[in-house]
Amino acid sequence: MMKYLKRSIDSELASWKEEEHRKPLLLRGARQVGKSSAVRNLGRSFAHYLEVNFESDLEVKAFFQGNLNPQIIGEKLSLYYDVPVIPGETLLFLDEIQGCREAIASLRFFYERYPELHVVAAGSLLEFALVEIPSFAVGRLRSIFLYPMSFDEFLAATGQEGLIEVKRGAGFANPVDNVFHQRLNEQLRKFLVLGGMPEVVSLYLQTGDMLRCMRALDDLYISLRDDFAKYKSTVPAVRLREVFDSVVEQAGGRFVYSRVGKDNNYRQVKEAVDLLVMAGLVVPVYKNSGNGLPIGAGANSSIFKLLALDFGLAQRMARLDISPLLVAADGELVNKGAIAEQFAALEILKNGSPYTPSVLYFWQREARNSNAEVDFLLPHGDGILPLEIKAGTRGSMRSLSLFLAEKGTAYGLRSSMENFGEYDRVKVCPLYALGDVVRGMG
């Protein structure tokens, strides 16, 4: 049995448990990011834990037919599983709930008629079910979004809590001591290879075998592809596979529909993209004018980049040679497959609010002999903070300078393998500390 790896979401779940006016909780996120494990870990703090899986326990669906009285449902589940259902003492976990629409509908009644019972629901394809029941329980549920492991969670899992404290104690005017800076970059390179999927990180902790971890990523990729048959009949699974593979191939640039295989029509490719985004397997980054807040007002939803949910998985799908990531010096790190940009995008999401998923934006200026691009735009205070990502310790900041001049922004942020520092109107943050900066902006 795999040891549970602590997640930052644990504190949110613990707070929810203690709330006086508590709503049923929806834990949302892609398959294999650790939703069920987090709930089971929470269940250890209860006297009784009852888990229903609607994919394996098909008979249980009958308990949610007809009368959705939550007390009666609780009694039937208690008898079936031989687990007491006692308000305040039992955690009821409804897993893979998308497999039973009536169970989704019952959540509102647990809130209205049985609020003293702790109820959590989750499902890897839950988003598809929710779209088809858009107003099923407005205001009666709380959602928490979970992603693959962040760099801080990886450091904690590998027993490097001291390094977390070191980087959190540093800043733009107070760089990390060089010996710890080197260690943090070493750990970051390892994380860039493994990715943040809990199963892969756990396997690495158990075996230390990178090759086995790469095979685990292959297995994960295959299982995700196999899931495509469950998505939606209007888009063939083969089309979803082609689009998912193309997302990895096109990482780092605008996503172009016409580059997805031969003889694929625009409508099917677009619908496949939408489904992959909804499933959490693909993260969009939209073009934005960067003219001010609200930041969403400047978005162009028709021009975007697409990134896979995990950079370890993306590298494995692209069959990249990972050896340079493991042995390169800081200034020689090759940005294969836009790996640094993928890491940054996911760190922004993972370190944002778990209650409202962040939307990512980039800025691009297209003019004759004057093209420029800033990787990310972040809302900050009463303005927008431009963020440029570099894979090593060198690289031009021309695009960032152009944005600052054109928009009149006070300063910009550069994140790279460098230590903390400042250059005129540009503050430099190590990639390994980007999550700390994002949390500090919240």
Protein backbone atom coordinates (compact mmCIF):
# COMPACT_ATOMS: atom_id res chain seq x y z
CA MET A 1 0.00 0.00 0.00
CA MET A 2 1.38 3.40 -0.96
CA LYS A 3 2.15 5.80 1.84
CA TYR A 4 -0.01 8.91 1.75
CA LEU A 5 1.87 11.97 0.58
CA LYS A 6 0.78 15.11 2.40
CA ARG A 7 -0.91 17.73 0.24
CA SER A 8 -1.58 21.42 0.80
CA ILE A 9 -5.28 20.65 0.31
CA ASP A 10 -5.24 18.72 3.61
CA SER A 11 -5.52 21.91 5.66
CA GLU A 12 -8.51 23.06 3.59
CA LEU A 13 -10.25 19.74 4.14
CA ALA A 14 -9.54 19.89 7.87
CA SER A 15 -11.01 23.40 8.06
CA TRP A 16 -14.11 22.26 6.19
CA LYS A 17 -14.57 19.44 8.69
CA GLU A 18 -14.73 21.91 11.60
CA GLU A 19 -17.09 24.43 10.00
CA GLU A 20 -20.38 24.96 11.79
CA HIS A 21 -22.43 25.75 8.67
CA ARG A 22 -20.94 23.21 6.36
CA LYS A 23 -21.91 22.37 2.77
CA PRO A 24 -21.30 19.05 1.01
CA LEU A 25 -17.92 19.20 -0.65
CA LEU A 26 -17.09 18.53 -4.30
CA LEU A 27 -13.43 17.65 -4.83
CA ARG A 28 -12.66 18.35 -8.47
CA GLY A 29 -9.68 17.62 -10.67
CA ALA A 30 -8.30 15.31 -13.35
CA ARG A 31 -7.87 11.59 -12.91
CA GLN A 32 -4.93 10.41 -10.79
CA VAL A 33 -4.14 13.76 -9.15
CA GLY A 34 -4.88 12.39 -5.65
CA LYS A 35 -8.52 13.26 -4.93
CA SER A 36 -9.53 9.93 -3.43
CA SER A 37 -6.32 9.62 -1.40
CA ALA A 38 -6.87 13.08 0.12
CA VAL A 39 -10.41 12.18 1.18
CA ARG A 40 -9.31 8.84 2.65
CA ASN A 41 -6.64 10.67 4.60
CA LEU A 42 -9.31 13.02 5.94
CA GLY A 43 -11.40 9.96 6.83
CA ARG A 44 -8.74 8.89 9.33
CA SER A 45 -9.77 11.82 11.52
CA PHE A 46 -13.34 10.48 11.84
CA ALA A 47 -14.60 7.66 14.01
CA HIS A 48 -16.22 6.09 10.95
CA TYR A 49 -15.46 6.30 7.23
CA LEU A 50 -17.83 5.09 4.50
CA GLU A 51 -16.68 5.13 0.88
CA VAL A 52 -19.01 4.49 -2.05
CA ASN A 53 -17.56 3.97 -5.53
CA PHE A 54 -20.22 4.21 -8.20
CA GLU A 55 -18.01 2.54 -10.82
CA SER A 56 -17.45 -0.65 -8.79
CA ASP A 57 -20.46 -0.73 -6.42
CA LEU A 58 -23.18 -0.74 -9.05
CA GLU A 59 -25.90 -2.10 -6.76
CA VAL A 60 -25.68 0.99 -4.56
CA LYS A 61 -27.16 3.16 -7.31
CA ALA A 62 -30.57 1.71 -6.40
CA PHE A 63 -30.43 3.51 -3.04
CA PHE A 64 -30.57 6.84 -4.89
CA GLN A 65 -33.61 5.98 -7.02
CA GLY A 66 -36.93 7.64 -6.25
CA ASN A 67 -36.98 9.19 -2.79
CA LEU A 68 -33.80 11.20 -2.14
CA ASN A 69 -34.36 11.56 1.58
CA PRO A 70 -30.75 11.77 2.84
CA GLN A 71 -31.47 10.08 6.18
CA ILE A 72 -32.99 7.06 4.41
CA ILE A 73 -30.07 6.95 1.97
CA GLY A 74 -27.67 7.04 4.92
CA GLU A 75 -29.47 4.16 6.63
CA LYS A 76 -29.32 1.99 3.50
CA LEU A 77 -25.64 2.72 2.96
CA SER A 78 -24.91 1.94 6.61
CA LEU A 79 -26.58 -1.46 6.33
CA TYR A 80 -24.97 -2.28 2.98
CA TYR A 81 -21.41 -1.43 4.03
CA ASP A 82 -21.80 -2.29 7.72
CA VAL A 83 -20.46 1.13 8.70
CA PRO A 84 -22.29 3.38 11.18
CA VAL A 85 -23.56 6.63 9.69
CA ILE A 86 -23.54 9.03 12.62
CA PRO A 87 -23.65 12.81 12.13
CA GLY A 88 -20.41 14.41 13.30
CA GLU A 89 -18.65 11.03 13.53
CA THR A 90 -18.90 9.61 9.99
CA LEU A 91 -17.38 10.86 6.74
CA LEU A 92 -19.44 9.76 3.73
CA PHE A 93 -17.39 9.74 0.52
CA LEU A 94 -19.26 9.38 -2.79
CA ASP A 95 -16.51 8.61 -5.29
CA GLU A 96 -16.86 8.50 -9.09
CA ILE A 97 -20.21 10.20 -8.51
CA GLN A 98 -20.58 11.03 -12.19
CA GLY A 99 -21.62 7.38 -12.53
CA CYS A 100 -24.88 8.09 -10.70
CA ARG A 101 -26.70 11.28 -11.66
CA GLU A 102 -29.27 10.72 -8.91
CA ALA A 103 -26.47 10.75 -6.33
CA ILE A 104 -25.35 14.13 -7.67
CA ALA A 105 -28.93 15.38 -7.34
CA SER A 106 -29.06 14.08 -3.74
CA LEU A 107 -26.25 16.38 -2.60
CA ARG A 108 -28.58 19.38 -2.36
CA PHE A 109 -30.81 17.40 0.02
CA PHE A 110 -27.87 16.43 2.21
CA TYR A 111 -27.24 20.17 2.55
CA GLU A 112 -30.87 21.13 3.15
CA ARG A 113 -32.03 18.22 5.33
CA TYR A 114 -28.92 16.54 6.75
CA PRO A 115 -26.23 19.23 7.06
CA GLU A 116 -24.77 17.69 10.21
CA LEU A 117 -23.42 14.73 8.19
CA HIS A 118 -20.03 15.23 6.54
CA VAL A 119 -20.35 14.42 2.83
CA VAL A 120 -17.63 14.62 0.15
CA ALA A 121 -18.11 13.76 -3.52
CA ALA A 122 -15.51 13.38 -6.27
CA GLY A 123 -15.13 11.96 -9.74
CA SER A 124 -12.51 12.04 -12.49
CA LEU A 125 -15.17 12.77 -15.14
CA LEU A 126 -17.38 14.81 -12.85
CA GLU A 127 -17.12 17.96 -14.96
CA PHE A 128 -19.01 16.32 -17.84
CA ALA A 129 -21.91 15.44 -15.56
CA LEU A 130 -22.02 18.91 -14.02
CA VAL A 131 -22.25 20.59 -17.42
CA GLU A 132 -25.38 18.58 -18.14
CA ILE A 133 -26.94 19.57 -14.79
CA PRO A 134 -25.86 23.25 -14.71
CA SER A 135 -28.08 24.46 -11.84
CA PHE A 136 -28.35 21.28 -9.80
CA ALA A 137 -27.30 22.76 -6.46
CA VAL A 138 -26.31 26.39 -6.84
CA GLY A 139 -25.23 27.77 -3.47
CA ARG A 140 -25.60 24.40 -1.75
CA LEU A 141 -22.18 22.91 -2.46
CA ARG A 142 -18.56 23.92 -2.05
CA SER A 143 -15.97 23.01 -4.67
CA ILE A 144 -12.25 22.51 -4.09
CA PHE A 145 -9.95 22.00 -7.07
CA LEU A 146 -6.95 19.69 -6.90
CA TYR A 147 -3.96 19.52 -9.27
CA PRO A 148 -0.85 17.33 -9.45
CA MET A 149 1.71 17.92 -6.71
CA SER A 150 3.43 21.30 -6.50
CA PHE A 151 7.17 21.72 -6.04
CA ASP A 152 6.66 22.43 -2.32
CA GLU A 153 4.62 19.24 -1.96
CA PHE A 154 7.38 17.34 -3.74
CA LEU A 155 10.02 18.79 -1.41
CA ALA A 156 7.93 17.85 1.63
CA ALA A 157 7.38 14.32 0.30
CA THR A 158 11.12 13.85 -0.19
CA GLY A 159 11.93 15.09 3.33
CA GLN A 160 13.26 18.48 2.21
CA GLU A 161 11.09 20.68 4.46
CA GLY A 162 14.20 22.64 5.43
CA LEU A 163 14.65 23.79 1.83
CA ILE A 164 11.05 25.00 1.81
CA GLU A 165 11.77 27.22 4.79
CA VAL A 166 15.01 28.48 3.27
CA LYS A 167 13.40 29.69 0.06
CA ARG A 168 10.39 31.15 1.87
CA GLY A 169 12.73 33.17 4.03
CA ALA A 170 14.49 34.67 1.01
CA GLY A 171 13.40 37.51 -1.29
CA PHE A 172 14.40 39.86 -4.07
CA ALA A 173 16.77 41.77 -1.80
CA ASN A 174 17.74 38.69 0.20
CA PRO A 175 18.87 35.85 -2.09
CA VAL A 176 19.15 32.22 -1.05
CA ASP A 177 22.62 31.17 0.11
CA ASN A 178 24.41 29.69 -2.89
CA VAL A 179 24.78 26.18 -1.43
CA PHE A 180 21.02 25.97 -0.84
CA HIS A 181 20.31 27.60 -4.20
CA GLN A 182 22.23 24.77 -5.88
CA ARG A 183 20.38 22.13 -3.87
CA LEU A 184 17.02 23.64 -4.71
CA ASN A 185 17.84 23.67 -8.41
CA GLU A 186 18.96 20.04 -8.17
CA GLN A 187 15.63 19.09 -6.63
CA LEU A 188 13.80 21.17 -9.24
CA ARG A 189 15.52 19.34 -12.10
CA LYS A 190 14.50 16.02 -10.55
CA PHE A 191 10.92 17.27 -10.21
CA LEU A 192 10.87 18.41 -13.83
CA VAL A 193 11.66 14.84 -14.88
CA LEU A 194 9.23 13.04 -12.55
CA GLY A 195 6.35 15.49 -12.68
CA GLY A 196 3.78 15.86 -9.93
CA MET A 197 1.48 12.86 -10.34
CA PRO A 198 1.30 11.33 -6.82
CA GLU A 199 1.66 7.73 -8.01
CA VAL A 200 4.93 8.51 -9.78
CA VAL A 201 6.35 10.55 -6.89
CA SER A 202 5.41 7.77 -4.46
CA LEU A 203 7.10 5.16 -6.64
CA TYR A 204 10.26 7.26 -6.75
CA LEU A 205 10.27 7.57 -2.95
CA GLN A 206 9.88 3.80 -2.61
CA THR A 207 12.43 2.72 -5.21
CA GLY A 208 14.60 5.67 -6.28
CA ASP A 209 14.39 4.10 -9.73
CA MET A 210 13.89 6.72 -12.44
CA LEU A 211 13.37 4.10 -15.14
CA ARG A 212 10.47 2.54 -13.25
CA CYS A 213 9.00 6.00 -12.80
CA MET A 214 9.19 6.59 -16.55
CA ARG A 215 7.33 3.33 -17.10
CA ALA A 216 4.73 4.43 -14.56
CA LEU A 217 4.24 7.61 -16.60
CA ASP A 218 3.77 5.44 -19.69
CA ASP A 219 1.11 3.43 -17.84
CA LEU A 220 -0.59 6.63 -16.73
CA TYR A 221 -0.66 7.96 -20.29
CA ILE A 222 -2.25 4.74 -21.52
CA SER A 223 -4.91 4.79 -18.78
CA LEU A 224 -5.78 8.40 -19.58
CA ARG A 225 -6.11 7.53 -23.27
CA ASP A 226 -8.31 4.56 -22.42
CA ASP A 227 -10.62 6.93 -20.53
CA PHE A 228 -11.32 8.89 -23.70
CA ALA A 229 -13.93 6.33 -24.73
CA LYS A 230 -16.02 7.50 -21.75
CA TYR A 231 -16.01 11.18 -22.70
CA LYS A 232 -18.64 11.86 -25.33
CA SER A 233 -19.90 9.87 -28.27
CA THR A 234 -19.85 12.86 -30.65
CA VAL A 235 -16.05 12.94 -30.53
CA PRO A 236 -14.31 9.63 -31.34
CA ALA A 237 -11.69 8.48 -28.86
CA VAL A 238 -9.12 8.43 -31.64
CA ARG A 239 -9.71 12.14 -32.23
CA LEU A 240 -9.19 12.90 -28.54
CA ARG A 241 -5.93 10.97 -28.62
CA GLU A 242 -4.71 12.88 -31.66
CA VAL A 243 -5.56 16.22 -30.05
CA PHE A 244 -3.96 15.27 -26.71
CA ASP A 245 -0.77 14.22 -28.48
CA SER A 246 -0.84 17.43 -30.54
CA VAL A 247 -1.09 19.53 -27.39
CA VAL A 248 2.29 18.15 -26.32
CA GLU A 249 3.77 18.60 -29.80
CA GLN A 250 2.62 22.24 -29.99
CA ALA A 251 3.56 23.21 -26.41
CA GLY A 252 5.23 26.60 -26.19
CA GLY A 253 3.36 28.17 -29.09
CA ARG A 254 -0.15 28.97 -30.18
CA PHE A 255 -2.31 25.92 -30.63
CA VAL A 256 -3.24 25.51 -34.30
CA TYR A 257 -6.22 23.27 -35.09
CA SER A 258 -5.00 22.46 -38.60
CA ARG A 259 -1.85 20.84 -37.21
CA VAL A 260 -3.87 18.02 -35.61
CA GLY A 261 -3.46 15.11 -38.02
CA LYS A 262 -4.84 14.77 -41.50
CA ASP A 263 -8.47 15.08 -42.56
CA ASN A 264 -9.61 16.41 -39.16
CA ASN A 265 -12.37 18.97 -39.34
CA TYR A 266 -12.30 22.13 -37.26
CA ARG A 267 -15.50 21.37 -35.34
CA GLN A 268 -14.35 17.98 -34.07
CA VAL A 269 -10.90 19.21 -33.10
CA LYS A 270 -12.38 22.19 -31.25
CA GLU A 271 -14.83 19.98 -29.39
CA ALA A 272 -12.02 17.58 -28.49
CA VAL A 273 -9.99 20.50 -27.10
CA ASP A 274 -12.98 21.65 -25.05
CA LEU A 275 -13.48 18.15 -23.62
CA LEU A 276 -9.81 17.75 -22.68
CA VAL A 277 -9.84 21.14 -20.95
CA MET A 278 -13.03 20.20 -19.11
CA ALA A 279 -11.46 16.91 -17.99
CA GLY A 280 -8.50 18.84 -16.57
CA LEU A 281 -5.98 17.09 -18.82
CA VAL A 282 -5.18 20.25 -20.75
CA VAL A 283 -4.56 23.78 -19.44
CA PRO A 284 -5.31 26.74 -21.75
CA VAL A 285 -3.31 30.00 -21.72
CA TYR A 286 -5.23 32.76 -23.51
CA LYS A 287 -3.85 35.75 -25.35
CA ASN A 288 -4.53 38.99 -23.46
CA SER A 289 -4.12 42.66 -24.29
CA GLY A 290 -2.72 43.39 -20.82
CA ASN A 291 -4.49 46.73 -20.68
CA GLY A 292 -5.63 46.48 -17.06
CA LEU A 293 -8.12 44.95 -14.65
CA PRO A 294 -10.31 43.03 -14.73
CA ILE A 295 -7.74 40.97 -16.54
CA GLY A 296 -10.34 38.76 -18.19
CA ALA A 297 -11.71 41.74 -20.13
CA GLY A 298 -8.57 41.79 -22.26
CA ALA A 299 -8.68 38.10 -23.18
CA ASN A 300 -8.95 36.75 -26.70
CA SER A 301 -10.46 33.29 -26.28
CA SER A 302 -9.81 32.36 -29.91
CA ILE A 303 -6.01 32.58 -29.56
CA PHE A 304 -4.42 30.35 -26.95
CA LYS A 305 -1.65 27.96 -26.01
CA LEU A 306 -2.39 24.53 -24.56
CA LEU A 307 -0.32 22.70 -21.97
CA ALA A 308 -0.66 19.19 -20.55
CA LEU A 309 -1.70 18.83 -16.90
CA ASP A 310 1.72 17.44 -15.91
CA PHE A 311 5.15 18.22 -17.34
CA GLY A 312 6.55 14.80 -16.42
CA LEU A 313 3.79 13.18 -18.41
CA ALA A 314 4.26 15.65 -21.28
CA GLN A 315 7.97 14.91 -21.56
CA ARG A 316 7.28 11.18 -21.59
CA MET A 317 4.60 11.57 -24.27
CA ALA A 318 7.04 13.58 -26.39
CA ARG A 319 9.77 10.97 -25.80
CA LEU A 320 12.26 13.66 -24.85
CA ASP A 321 15.75 12.79 -23.65
CA ILE A 322 15.59 13.62 -19.93
CA SER A 323 19.31 13.22 -19.23
CA PRO A 324 20.15 16.92 -19.84
CA LEU A 325 17.67 17.90 -17.13
CA LEU A 326 19.42 15.68 -14.61
CA VAL A 327 23.05 16.60 -15.30
CA ALA A 328 23.04 20.12 -16.77
CA ALA A 329 24.51 23.07 -14.95
CA ASP A 330 22.03 25.81 -14.06
CA GLY A 331 22.90 27.98 -17.02
CA GLU A 332 22.79 25.09 -19.50
CA LEU A 333 19.30 23.77 -18.84
CA VAL A 334 17.68 23.14 -22.19
CA ASN A 335 14.09 24.26 -22.49
CA LYS A 336 12.95 21.13 -24.33
CA GLY A 337 9.23 21.10 -25.00
CA ALA A 338 8.87 24.45 -23.22
CA ILE A 339 9.33 22.57 -19.94
CA ALA A 340 10.12 25.66 -17.88
CA GLU A 341 7.01 27.42 -19.17
CA GLN A 342 4.87 24.36 -18.39
CA PHE A 343 6.28 24.16 -14.89
CA ALA A 344 5.55 27.86 -14.31
CA ALA A 345 1.97 27.62 -15.60
CA LEU A 346 1.19 24.71 -13.32
CA GLU A 347 2.86 26.29 -10.29
CA ILE A 348 0.63 29.34 -10.79
CA LEU A 349 -2.44 27.11 -10.76
CA LYS A 350 -1.30 24.90 -7.89
CA ASN A 351 -0.46 27.84 -5.65
CA GLY A 352 -3.59 29.86 -6.41
CA SER A 353 -6.90 29.60 -4.56
CA PRO A 354 -8.22 26.01 -4.45
CA TYR A 355 -11.76 27.39 -4.49
CA THR A 356 -11.57 29.32 -7.77
CA PRO A 357 -9.22 27.97 -10.45
CA SER A 358 -7.00 30.60 -12.00
CA VAL A 359 -7.24 31.45 -15.70
CA LEU A 360 -3.87 31.88 -17.40
CA TYR A 361 -2.98 34.59 -19.93
CA PHE A 362 -0.03 35.58 -22.09
CA TRP A 363 0.75 38.78 -23.99
CA GLN A 364 1.93 38.97 -27.57
CA ARG A 365 2.73 41.98 -29.69
CA GLU A 366 2.82 41.44 -33.43
CA ALA A 367 4.29 44.23 -35.48
CA ARG A 368 6.66 44.36 -38.43
CA ASN A 369 10.20 43.77 -37.14
CA SER A 370 8.99 44.06 -33.55
CA ASN A 371 7.40 40.84 -32.35
CA ALA A 372 7.37 40.33 -28.59
CA GLU A 373 5.80 37.88 -26.15
CA VAL A 374 5.47 37.75 -22.36
CA ASP A 375 4.72 34.27 -21.04
CA PHE A 376 2.16 35.13 -18.34
CA LEU A 377 0.13 38.07 -17.08
CA LEU A 378 -0.92 37.96 -13.42
CA PRO A 379 -3.43 40.24 -11.68
CA HIS A 380 -1.56 42.02 -8.90
CA GLY A 381 -2.93 44.77 -6.69
CA ASP A 382 -4.63 47.31 -8.94
CA GLY A 383 -2.71 46.31 -12.05
CA ILE A 384 -1.11 43.51 -14.05
CA LEU A 385 2.26 41.89 -13.39
CA PRO A 386 4.03 40.54 -16.50
CA LEU A 387 5.98 37.32 -15.92
CA GLU A 388 8.66 36.02 -18.26
CA ILE A 389 10.07 32.51 -17.93
CA LYS A 390 13.62 31.49 -18.81
CA ALA A 391 14.95 27.95 -18.68
CA GLY A 392 18.50 28.83 -17.68
CA THR A 393 20.20 31.89 -16.20
CA ARG A 394 20.63 33.88 -19.39
CA GLY A 395 18.32 35.35 -21.99
CA SER A 396 17.05 38.64 -23.30
CA MET A 397 14.37 40.60 -21.46
CA ARG A 398 13.43 42.61 -24.54
CA SER A 399 9.78 41.45 -24.58
CA LEU A 400 9.37 42.21 -20.90
CA SER A 401 10.92 45.66 -21.38
CA LEU A 402 8.58 46.38 -24.29
CA PHE A 403 5.55 45.45 -22.21
CA LEU A 404 6.67 47.67 -19.32
CA ALA A 405 7.23 50.61 -21.66
CA GLU A 406 4.02 50.17 -23.62
CA LYS A 407 1.71 49.59 -20.61
CA GLY A 408 3.41 51.89 -18.11
CA THR A 409 3.73 49.04 -15.60
CA ALA A 410 5.93 49.71 -12.57
CA TYR A 411 7.93 46.49 -12.76
CA GLY A 412 7.98 43.01 -14.23
CA LEU A 413 8.95 39.57 -12.98
CA ARG A 414 11.44 37.16 -14.49
CA SER A 415 11.63 33.57 -13.25
CA SER A 416 14.57 31.36 -14.16
CA MET A 417 17.29 29.15 -12.70
CA GLU A 418 18.86 32.31 -11.26
CA ASN A 419 18.80 33.31 -7.62
CA PHE A 420 16.66 36.18 -6.36
CA GLY A 421 17.72 39.60 -7.65
CA GLU A 422 16.65 42.86 -9.30
CA TYR A 423 17.56 44.60 -12.58
CA ASP A 424 16.17 48.12 -12.78
CA ARG A 425 12.42 47.49 -13.26
CA VAL A 426 12.68 43.70 -13.36
CA LYS A 427 12.59 41.50 -10.27
CA VAL A 428 14.11 38.03 -10.59
CA CYS A 429 12.62 35.01 -8.87
CA PRO A 430 14.05 31.47 -9.03
CA LEU A 431 11.73 28.98 -10.69
CA TYR A 432 11.79 26.93 -7.50
CA ALA A 433 10.30 29.88 -5.57
CA LEU A 434 7.66 30.92 -8.10
CA GLY A 435 4.92 29.29 -6.05
CA ASP A 436 5.89 31.41 -3.02
CA VAL A 437 5.61 34.60 -5.07
CA VAL A 438 2.20 33.55 -6.45
CA ARG A 439 0.86 32.79 -2.95
CA GLY A 440 2.20 36.10 -1.70
CA MET A 441 0.20 37.92 -4.38
CA GLY A 442 -3.08 36.26 -3.32
